[in-house]
Amino acid sequence: MRPGEGPDTSPGEVVFRARGVTKVYDMGEVHVHALRGIDLDLFTGELVVLLGPSGSGKSTLVNILGGLDTATEGEVWYRDRDLTRADDRVLTEYRRLDVGFVFQFYNLIPSLTAEENVAIVTEIADDPMDPAEALELVGLGTRRSHFPAQLSGGEQQRVAIARAVAKRPAVLLCDEPTGALDSQTGVVVLEALERVNREIGTTTVVITHNVVQAGMAQRVVYLKDGLVTDVKRNAEQRSPRELKW
């Protein structure tokens, strides 16, 4: 049993199962231990916040869960698929079909409209959402013909979210999605993520160092120095509109 959890708190089927996950980066004669033996389960349809200071291992853990990086030791399972032993072809297919990524910086193509930026992803998906529908989901249905330069930072981030969810991923991994935004704009972005989680049922993981944002989660996983130090279930999941920072 992990810290902070009782015996009957699992909300559904296990999507990710990490056991003893360690990540060491070799930098010449220096060995940086980013993760030091992570045990963690994530469940179908839940919204989880990974909370911790810079350097605590949050991004490294999410990159391993998303197939962007591999563990030095330990095991990571996505449903019945062993990501630890998967080859490049399997990981590429996994990233393409099962996982949506949202990063701190939007990475939109300046010469394409919002709708065209989203459509790029739908062209490689098996059962994609219509790009216009994805933009409606994040509240940008009227902005689909605008170019990134004509959109605010928060709007660009919501286009990035629409792009991530348009392929209907089972999992949405978000690394500091409000890190480049002011608090008011950040709330709007968090609302878009909460709506995706609620309406589509996508398992959503949000990395943040902002303690206040943990209030929107069903569960909060606390990391420090490459370790999970605690896991807590919020007694009440708060709307992003209620969060002030």
C-alpha atoms as a PDB file:
ATOM      1  CA  MET A   1       0.000   0.000   0.000  1.00  0.00           C
ATOM      2  CA  ARG A   2       1.354   3.418  -0.928  1.00  0.00           C
ATOM      3  CA  PRO A   3       1.584   6.301   1.556  1.00  0.00           C
ATOM      4  CA  GLY A   4      -1.629   8.216   2.091  1.00  0.00           C
ATOM      5  CA  GLU A   5      -3.984   5.653   0.538  1.00  0.00           C
ATOM      6  CA  GLY A   6      -6.394   3.220   2.132  1.00  0.00           C
ATOM      7  CA  PRO A   7      -7.134  -0.240   0.788  1.00  0.00           C
ATOM      8  CA  ASP A   8     -10.191   0.612  -1.345  1.00  0.00           C
ATOM      9  CA  THR A   9      -9.308   3.833  -3.162  1.00  0.00           C
ATOM     10  CA  SER A  10      -8.750   2.490  -6.699  1.00  0.00           C
ATOM     11  CA  PRO A  11     -11.244   4.217  -9.012  1.00  0.00           C
ATOM     12  CA  GLY A  12     -11.018   1.715 -11.857  1.00  0.00           C
ATOM     13  CA  GLU A  13      -8.802  -0.385 -14.052  1.00  0.00           C
ATOM     14  CA  VAL A  14      -5.057   0.162 -13.751  1.00  0.00           C
ATOM     15  CA  VAL A  15      -3.752   2.054 -16.792  1.00  0.00           C
ATOM     16  CA  PHE A  16      -0.124   2.475 -15.663  1.00  0.00           C
ATOM     17  CA  ARG A  17       1.772   0.286 -13.228  1.00  0.00           C
ATOM     18  CA  ALA A  18       5.278   1.422 -12.318  1.00  0.00           C
ATOM     19  CA  ARG A  19       7.468  -0.666 -10.034  1.00  0.00           C
ATOM     20  CA  GLY A  20      10.962   0.212  -8.847  1.00  0.00           C
ATOM     21  CA  VAL A  21      11.440   2.751 -11.626  1.00  0.00           C
ATOM     22  CA  THR A  22      14.901   4.278 -11.535  1.00  0.00           C
ATOM     23  CA  LYS A  23      16.449   6.715 -13.983  1.00  0.00           C
ATOM     24  CA  VAL A  24      20.118   7.624 -13.954  1.00  0.00           C
ATOM     25  CA  TYR A  25      21.622  10.090 -16.390  1.00  0.00           C
ATOM     26  CA  ASP A  26      25.356   9.646 -16.965  1.00  0.00           C
ATOM     27  CA  MET A  27      27.025  13.012 -17.520  1.00  0.00           C
ATOM     28  CA  GLY A  28      30.679  12.166 -17.839  1.00  0.00           C
ATOM     29  CA  GLU A  29      31.890  11.207 -14.375  1.00  0.00           C
ATOM     30  CA  VAL A  30      28.701  12.538 -12.793  1.00  0.00           C
ATOM     31  CA  HIS A  31      25.669  10.274 -12.340  1.00  0.00           C
ATOM     32  CA  VAL A  32      22.385  12.117 -11.872  1.00  0.00           C
ATOM     33  CA  HIS A  33      19.657  10.046 -10.181  1.00  0.00           C
ATOM     34  CA  ALA A  34      16.432  11.540 -11.510  1.00  0.00           C
ATOM     35  CA  LEU A  35      14.234   8.711 -10.176  1.00  0.00           C
ATOM     36  CA  ARG A  36      15.151   6.480  -7.248  1.00  0.00           C
ATOM     37  CA  GLY A  37      12.674   3.615  -7.270  1.00  0.00           C
ATOM     38  CA  ILE A  38       9.158   4.792  -8.100  1.00  0.00           C
ATOM     39  CA  ASP A  39       6.115   2.620  -7.347  1.00  0.00           C
ATOM     40  CA  LEU A  40       2.879   4.057  -8.703  1.00  0.00           C
ATOM     41  CA  ASP A  41      -0.468   3.017 -10.167  1.00  0.00           C
ATOM     42  CA  LEU A  42      -2.639   5.286 -12.322  1.00  0.00           C
ATOM     43  CA  PHE A  43      -6.236   4.391 -13.099  1.00  0.00           C
ATOM     44  CA  THR A  44      -8.735   4.674 -15.937  1.00  0.00           C
ATOM     45  CA  GLY A  45     -10.341   8.070 -16.338  1.00  0.00           C
ATOM     46  CA  GLU A  46      -8.806   9.747 -13.308  1.00  0.00           C
ATOM     47  CA  LEU A  47      -7.288  13.212 -13.126  1.00  0.00           C
ATOM     48  CA  VAL A  48      -3.981  13.109 -11.260  1.00  0.00           C
ATOM     49  CA  VAL A  49      -1.630  15.943 -10.339  1.00  0.00           C
ATOM     50  CA  LEU A  50       2.078  15.182  -9.937  1.00  0.00           C
ATOM     51  CA  LEU A  51       3.254  17.800  -7.458  1.00  0.00           C
ATOM     52  CA  GLY A  52       6.797  18.650  -6.496  1.00  0.00           C
ATOM     53  CA  PRO A  53       9.614  21.177  -6.811  1.00  0.00           C
ATOM     54  CA  SER A  54      11.840  21.513  -9.851  1.00  0.00           C
ATOM     55  CA  GLY A  55      14.229  18.573 -10.037  1.00  0.00           C
ATOM     56  CA  SER A  56      11.948  16.204  -8.148  1.00  0.00           C
ATOM     57  CA  GLY A  57      11.621  13.827 -11.115  1.00  0.00           C
ATOM     58  CA  LYS A  58       8.115  14.723 -12.321  1.00  0.00           C
ATOM     59  CA  SER A  59       8.991  15.284 -15.984  1.00  0.00           C
ATOM     60  CA  THR A  60      11.292  12.278 -16.096  1.00  0.00           C
ATOM     61  CA  LEU A  61       8.516  10.049 -14.758  1.00  0.00           C
ATOM     62  CA  VAL A  62       5.960  11.372 -17.243  1.00  0.00           C
ATOM     63  CA  ASN A  63       8.407  11.016 -20.146  1.00  0.00           C
ATOM     64  CA  ILE A  64       8.896   7.365 -19.200  1.00  0.00           C
ATOM     65  CA  LEU A  65       5.144   6.778 -18.891  1.00  0.00           C
ATOM     66  CA  GLY A  66       4.658   8.400 -22.301  1.00  0.00           C
ATOM     67  CA  GLY A  67       7.342   6.374 -24.040  1.00  0.00           C
ATOM     68  CA  LEU A  68       9.566   9.393 -24.659  1.00  0.00           C
ATOM     69  CA  ASP A  69      12.273   7.981 -22.375  1.00  0.00           C
ATOM     70  CA  THR A  70      13.125   4.615 -20.845  1.00  0.00           C
ATOM     71  CA  ALA A  71      13.858   3.590 -17.279  1.00  0.00           C
ATOM     72  CA  THR A  72      17.341   2.572 -16.199  1.00  0.00           C
ATOM     73  CA  GLU A  73      15.847  -0.050 -13.876  1.00  0.00           C
ATOM     74  CA  GLY A  74      12.368  -1.207 -12.912  1.00  0.00           C
ATOM     75  CA  GLU A  75       9.202  -1.925 -14.870  1.00  0.00           C
ATOM     76  CA  VAL A  76       6.521   0.245 -16.460  1.00  0.00           C
ATOM     77  CA  TRP A  77       3.347  -1.353 -17.770  1.00  0.00           C
ATOM     78  CA  TYR A  78       0.649   0.337 -19.823  1.00  0.00           C
ATOM     79  CA  ARG A  79      -2.357  -1.948 -19.390  1.00  0.00           C
ATOM     80  CA  ASP A  80      -0.927  -5.325 -20.465  1.00  0.00           C
ATOM     81  CA  ARG A  81       1.976  -3.823 -22.420  1.00  0.00           C
ATOM     82  CA  ASP A  82       5.489  -3.833 -20.966  1.00  0.00           C
ATOM     83  CA  LEU A  83       6.943  -0.459 -22.009  1.00  0.00           C
ATOM     84  CA  THR A  84      10.269  -1.256 -20.369  1.00  0.00           C
ATOM     85  CA  ARG A  85      11.086  -3.943 -22.916  1.00  0.00           C
ATOM     86  CA  ALA A  86       9.309  -2.421 -25.909  1.00  0.00           C
ATOM     87  CA  ASP A  87      11.361  -1.650 -29.017  1.00  0.00           C
ATOM     88  CA  ASP A  88      11.307   1.652 -30.911  1.00  0.00           C
ATOM     89  CA  ARG A  89       8.577   0.510 -33.295  1.00  0.00           C
ATOM     90  CA  VAL A  90       6.234  -0.452 -30.464  1.00  0.00           C
ATOM     91  CA  LEU A  91       6.927   2.765 -28.547  1.00  0.00           C
ATOM     92  CA  THR A  92       6.327   4.864 -31.665  1.00  0.00           C
ATOM     93  CA  GLU A  93       2.966   3.185 -32.243  1.00  0.00           C
ATOM     94  CA  TYR A  94       2.105   3.609 -28.551  1.00  0.00           C
ATOM     95  CA  ARG A  95       2.854   7.355 -28.645  1.00  0.00           C
ATOM     96  CA  ARG A  96       0.938   7.762 -31.891  1.00  0.00           C
ATOM     97  CA  LEU A  97      -2.240   5.953 -30.861  1.00  0.00           C
ATOM     98  CA  ASP A  98      -2.537   5.931 -27.075  1.00  0.00           C
ATOM     99  CA  VAL A  99      -0.931   9.070 -25.646  1.00  0.00           C
ATOM    100  CA  GLY A 100      -1.530  12.789 -26.036  1.00  0.00           C
ATOM    101  CA  PHE A 101       1.130  15.241 -24.845  1.00  0.00           C
ATOM    102  CA  VAL A 102       0.765  18.855 -23.702  1.00  0.00           C
ATOM    103  CA  PHE A 103       3.940  20.755 -22.853  1.00  0.00           C
ATOM    104  CA  GLN A 104       4.670  24.136 -21.289  1.00  0.00           C
ATOM    105  CA  PHE A 105       5.411  25.609 -24.721  1.00  0.00           C
ATOM    106  CA  TYR A 106       2.796  25.193 -27.397  1.00  0.00           C
ATOM    107  CA  ASN A 107       4.891  24.111 -30.398  1.00  0.00           C
ATOM    108  CA  LEU A 108       2.298  25.248 -32.927  1.00  0.00           C
ATOM    109  CA  ILE A 109       3.258  25.696 -36.583  1.00  0.00           C
ATOM    110  CA  PRO A 110       3.060  29.468 -37.231  1.00  0.00           C
ATOM    111  CA  SER A 111       2.035  29.154 -40.890  1.00  0.00           C
ATOM    112  CA  LEU A 112      -0.997  26.952 -40.110  1.00  0.00           C
ATOM    113  CA  THR A 113      -4.352  27.961 -38.667  1.00  0.00           C
ATOM    114  CA  ALA A 114      -5.577  26.570 -35.363  1.00  0.00           C
ATOM    115  CA  GLU A 115      -7.691  24.008 -37.192  1.00  0.00           C
ATOM    116  CA  GLU A 116      -4.799  23.003 -39.457  1.00  0.00           C
ATOM    117  CA  ASN A 117      -2.493  22.598 -36.457  1.00  0.00           C
ATOM    118  CA  VAL A 118      -4.990  20.176 -34.949  1.00  0.00           C
ATOM    119  CA  ALA A 119      -5.584  18.379 -38.254  1.00  0.00           C
ATOM    120  CA  ILE A 120      -1.910  17.376 -38.477  1.00  0.00           C
ATOM    121  CA  VAL A 121      -2.437  14.915 -35.639  1.00  0.00           C
ATOM    122  CA  THR A 122      -5.745  13.558 -36.888  1.00  0.00           C
ATOM    123  CA  GLU A 123      -4.086  12.453 -40.111  1.00  0.00           C
ATOM    124  CA  ILE A 124      -2.047   9.802 -38.262  1.00  0.00           C
ATOM    125  CA  ALA A 125      -4.751   8.604 -35.849  1.00  0.00           C
ATOM    126  CA  ASP A 126      -6.993   5.556 -36.253  1.00  0.00           C
ATOM    127  CA  ASP A 127     -10.236   7.109 -35.013  1.00  0.00           C
ATOM    128  CA  PRO A 128      -9.679  10.863 -34.839  1.00  0.00           C
ATOM    129  CA  MET A 129     -12.012  13.579 -33.693  1.00  0.00           C
ATOM    130  CA  ASP A 130     -12.954  16.244 -36.225  1.00  0.00           C
ATOM    131  CA  PRO A 131     -10.481  19.145 -35.682  1.00  0.00           C
ATOM    132  CA  ALA A 132     -13.370  21.618 -35.369  1.00  0.00           C
ATOM    133  CA  GLU A 133     -14.953  19.420 -32.692  1.00  0.00           C
ATOM    134  CA  ALA A 134     -11.686  19.274 -30.771  1.00  0.00           C
ATOM    135  CA  LEU A 135     -11.424  23.073 -30.840  1.00  0.00           C
ATOM    136  CA  GLU A 136     -15.034  23.356 -29.631  1.00  0.00           C
ATOM    137  CA  LEU A 137     -14.143  21.113 -26.713  1.00  0.00           C
ATOM    138  CA  VAL A 138     -11.524  23.611 -25.514  1.00  0.00           C
ATOM    139  CA  GLY A 139     -13.711  26.648 -26.196  1.00  0.00           C
ATOM    140  CA  LEU A 140     -12.075  27.807 -29.431  1.00  0.00           C
ATOM    141  CA  GLY A 141     -14.701  26.947 -32.015  1.00  0.00           C
ATOM    142  CA  THR A 142     -14.819  30.539 -33.242  1.00  0.00           C
ATOM    143  CA  ARG A 143     -11.027  30.838 -33.500  1.00  0.00           C
ATOM    144  CA  ARG A 144     -10.275  27.882 -35.744  1.00  0.00           C
ATOM    145  CA  SER A 145      -9.279  30.032 -38.739  1.00  0.00           C
ATOM    146  CA  HIS A 146      -6.832  32.136 -36.724  1.00  0.00           C
ATOM    147  CA  PHE A 147      -3.068  31.722 -36.943  1.00  0.00           C
ATOM    148  CA  PRO A 148      -0.977  31.295 -33.757  1.00  0.00           C
ATOM    149  CA  ALA A 149       0.248  34.907 -33.960  1.00  0.00           C
ATOM    150  CA  GLN A 150      -3.387  36.041 -33.758  1.00  0.00           C
ATOM    151  CA  LEU A 151      -4.026  34.038 -30.572  1.00  0.00           C
ATOM    152  CA  SER A 152      -3.124  34.771 -26.953  1.00  0.00           C
ATOM    153  CA  GLY A 153      -0.811  32.459 -25.035  1.00  0.00           C
ATOM    154  CA  GLY A 154      -3.736  30.771 -23.320  1.00  0.00           C
ATOM    155  CA  GLU A 155      -5.526  30.269 -26.629  1.00  0.00           C
ATOM    156  CA  GLN A 156      -2.411  28.774 -28.174  1.00  0.00           C
ATOM    157  CA  GLN A 157      -2.133  26.357 -25.276  1.00  0.00           C
ATOM    158  CA  ARG A 158      -5.766  25.357 -25.724  1.00  0.00           C
ATOM    159  CA  VAL A 159      -5.053  24.686 -29.416  1.00  0.00           C
ATOM    160  CA  ALA A 160      -2.206  22.451 -28.230  1.00  0.00           C
ATOM    161  CA  ILE A 161      -4.659  20.624 -25.944  1.00  0.00           C
ATOM    162  CA  ALA A 162      -7.133  20.239 -28.823  1.00  0.00           C
ATOM    163  CA  ARG A 163      -4.330  18.844 -30.967  1.00  0.00           C
ATOM    164  CA  ALA A 164      -3.435  16.335 -28.243  1.00  0.00           C
ATOM    165  CA  VAL A 165      -6.991  15.114 -27.664  1.00  0.00           C
ATOM    166  CA  ALA A 166      -8.107  15.065 -31.316  1.00  0.00           C
ATOM    167  CA  LYS A 167      -6.652  11.585 -31.808  1.00  0.00           C
ATOM    168  CA  ARG A 168      -8.787  10.382 -28.856  1.00  0.00           C
ATOM    169  CA  PRO A 169      -5.878   9.220 -26.702  1.00  0.00           C
ATOM    170  CA  ALA A 170      -6.525   7.003 -23.712  1.00  0.00           C
ATOM    171  CA  VAL A 171      -3.987   9.053 -21.748  1.00  0.00           C
ATOM    172  CA  LEU A 172      -3.200  12.779 -21.688  1.00  0.00           C
ATOM    173  CA  LEU A 173       0.163  13.746 -20.167  1.00  0.00           C
ATOM    174  CA  CYS A 174       0.618  17.449 -19.393  1.00  0.00           C
ATOM    175  CA  ASP A 175       3.981  18.873 -18.323  1.00  0.00           C
ATOM    176  CA  GLU A 176       3.541  22.279 -16.634  1.00  0.00           C
ATOM    177  CA  PRO A 177       0.759  23.289 -19.059  1.00  0.00           C
ATOM    178  CA  THR A 178       0.256  26.645 -17.306  1.00  0.00           C
ATOM    179  CA  GLY A 179       3.932  27.339 -16.618  1.00  0.00           C
ATOM    180  CA  ALA A 180       4.207  30.106 -19.237  1.00  0.00           C
ATOM    181  CA  LEU A 181       0.848  31.716 -18.395  1.00  0.00           C
ATOM    182  CA  ASP A 182      -0.526  34.161 -15.852  1.00  0.00           C
ATOM    183  CA  SER A 183      -2.929  32.751 -13.267  1.00  0.00           C
ATOM    184  CA  GLN A 184      -6.139  33.988 -14.918  1.00  0.00           C
ATOM    185  CA  THR A 185      -5.176  32.467 -18.263  1.00  0.00           C
ATOM    186  CA  GLY A 186      -3.895  29.365 -16.510  1.00  0.00           C
ATOM    187  CA  VAL A 187      -7.318  28.748 -14.986  1.00  0.00           C
ATOM    188  CA  VAL A 188      -8.897  28.738 -18.457  1.00  0.00           C
ATOM    189  CA  VAL A 189      -6.334  26.168 -19.630  1.00  0.00           C
ATOM    190  CA  LEU A 190      -6.962  23.975 -16.575  1.00  0.00           C
ATOM    191  CA  GLU A 191     -10.692  24.194 -17.280  1.00  0.00           C
ATOM    192  CA  ALA A 192     -10.054  22.824 -20.766  1.00  0.00           C
ATOM    193  CA  LEU A 193      -8.081  19.908 -19.323  1.00  0.00           C
ATOM    194  CA  GLU A 194     -10.763  19.217 -16.717  1.00  0.00           C
ATOM    195  CA  ARG A 195     -13.454  19.241 -19.394  1.00  0.00           C
ATOM    196  CA  VAL A 196     -11.519  16.759 -21.552  1.00  0.00           C
ATOM    197  CA  ASN A 197     -11.110  14.470 -18.560  1.00  0.00           C
ATOM    198  CA  ARG A 198     -14.777  14.731 -17.574  1.00  0.00           C
ATOM    199  CA  GLU A 199     -16.424  14.508 -21.001  1.00  0.00           C
ATOM    200  CA  ILE A 200     -14.124  12.062 -22.787  1.00  0.00           C
ATOM    201  CA  GLY A 201     -12.864  10.066 -19.813  1.00  0.00           C
ATOM    202  CA  THR A 202      -9.220  10.453 -20.770  1.00  0.00           C
ATOM    203  CA  THR A 203      -6.819   9.530 -17.982  1.00  0.00           C
ATOM    204  CA  THR A 204      -5.160  12.888 -17.361  1.00  0.00           C
ATOM    205  CA  VAL A 205      -1.850  13.546 -15.605  1.00  0.00           C
ATOM    206  CA  VAL A 206      -0.849  17.147 -14.891  1.00  0.00           C
ATOM    207  CA  ILE A 207       2.633  18.080 -13.710  1.00  0.00           C
ATOM    208  CA  THR A 208       2.928  21.207 -11.597  1.00  0.00           C
ATOM    209  CA  HIS A 209       4.966  22.742  -8.795  1.00  0.00           C
ATOM    210  CA  ASN A 210       1.944  24.909  -7.899  1.00  0.00           C
ATOM    211  CA  VAL A 211       0.340  23.540  -4.732  1.00  0.00           C
ATOM    212  CA  VAL A 212      -2.959  25.327  -5.412  1.00  0.00           C
ATOM    213  CA  GLN A 213      -3.497  23.490  -8.699  1.00  0.00           C
ATOM    214  CA  ALA A 214      -3.504  20.171  -6.849  1.00  0.00           C
ATOM    215  CA  GLY A 215      -7.046  21.024  -5.739  1.00  0.00           C
ATOM    216  CA  MET A 216      -8.468  20.145  -9.174  1.00  0.00           C
ATOM    217  CA  ALA A 217      -7.219  16.554  -8.992  1.00  0.00           C
ATOM    218  CA  GLN A 218      -8.871  13.402  -7.776  1.00  0.00           C
ATOM    219  CA  ARG A 219      -5.487  12.248  -6.511  1.00  0.00           C
ATOM    220  CA  VAL A 220      -2.244  14.083  -5.831  1.00  0.00           C
ATOM    221  CA  VAL A 221       1.117  12.321  -6.114  1.00  0.00           C
ATOM    222  CA  TYR A 222       3.895  14.117  -4.237  1.00  0.00           C
ATOM    223  CA  LEU A 223       7.463  13.767  -5.521  1.00  0.00           C
ATOM    224  CA  LYS A 224      10.732  14.898  -4.002  1.00  0.00           C
ATOM    225  CA  ASP A 225      14.313  13.953  -4.878  1.00  0.00           C
ATOM    226  CA  GLY A 226      13.195  11.274  -7.313  1.00  0.00           C
ATOM    227  CA  LEU A 227      10.853   9.535  -4.875  1.00  0.00           C
ATOM    228  CA  VAL A 228       7.105   9.386  -4.349  1.00  0.00           C
ATOM    229  CA  THR A 229       6.789  10.756  -0.816  1.00  0.00           C
ATOM    230  CA  ASP A 230       3.001  10.639  -0.529  1.00  0.00           C
ATOM    231  CA  VAL A 231      -0.211   9.947  -2.445  1.00  0.00           C
ATOM    232  CA  LYS A 232      -3.426  11.614  -1.321  1.00  0.00           C
ATOM    233  CA  ARG A 233      -7.006  11.580  -2.558  1.00  0.00           C
ATOM    234  CA  ASN A 234      -8.751  14.948  -2.457  1.00  0.00           C
ATOM    235  CA  ALA A 235     -11.894  14.776  -0.344  1.00  0.00           C
ATOM    236  CA  GLU A 236     -13.447  17.202  -2.824  1.00  0.00           C
ATOM    237  CA  GLN A 237     -12.297  17.796  -6.387  1.00  0.00           C
ATOM    238  CA  ARG A 238     -12.391  21.561  -6.941  1.00  0.00           C
ATOM    239  CA  SER A 239     -13.233  23.346 -10.169  1.00  0.00           C
ATOM    240  CA  PRO A 240     -10.305  25.260 -11.699  1.00  0.00           C
ATOM    241  CA  ARG A 241     -12.458  28.407 -11.323  1.00  0.00           C
ATOM    242  CA  GLU A 242     -12.173  28.018  -7.551  1.00  0.00           C
ATOM    243  CA  LEU A 243      -8.379  28.001  -7.621  1.00  0.00           C
ATOM    244  CA  LYS A 244      -6.454  31.185  -6.844  1.00  0.00           C
ATOM    245  CA  TRP A 245      -2.690  31.587  -7.022  1.00  0.00           C
END
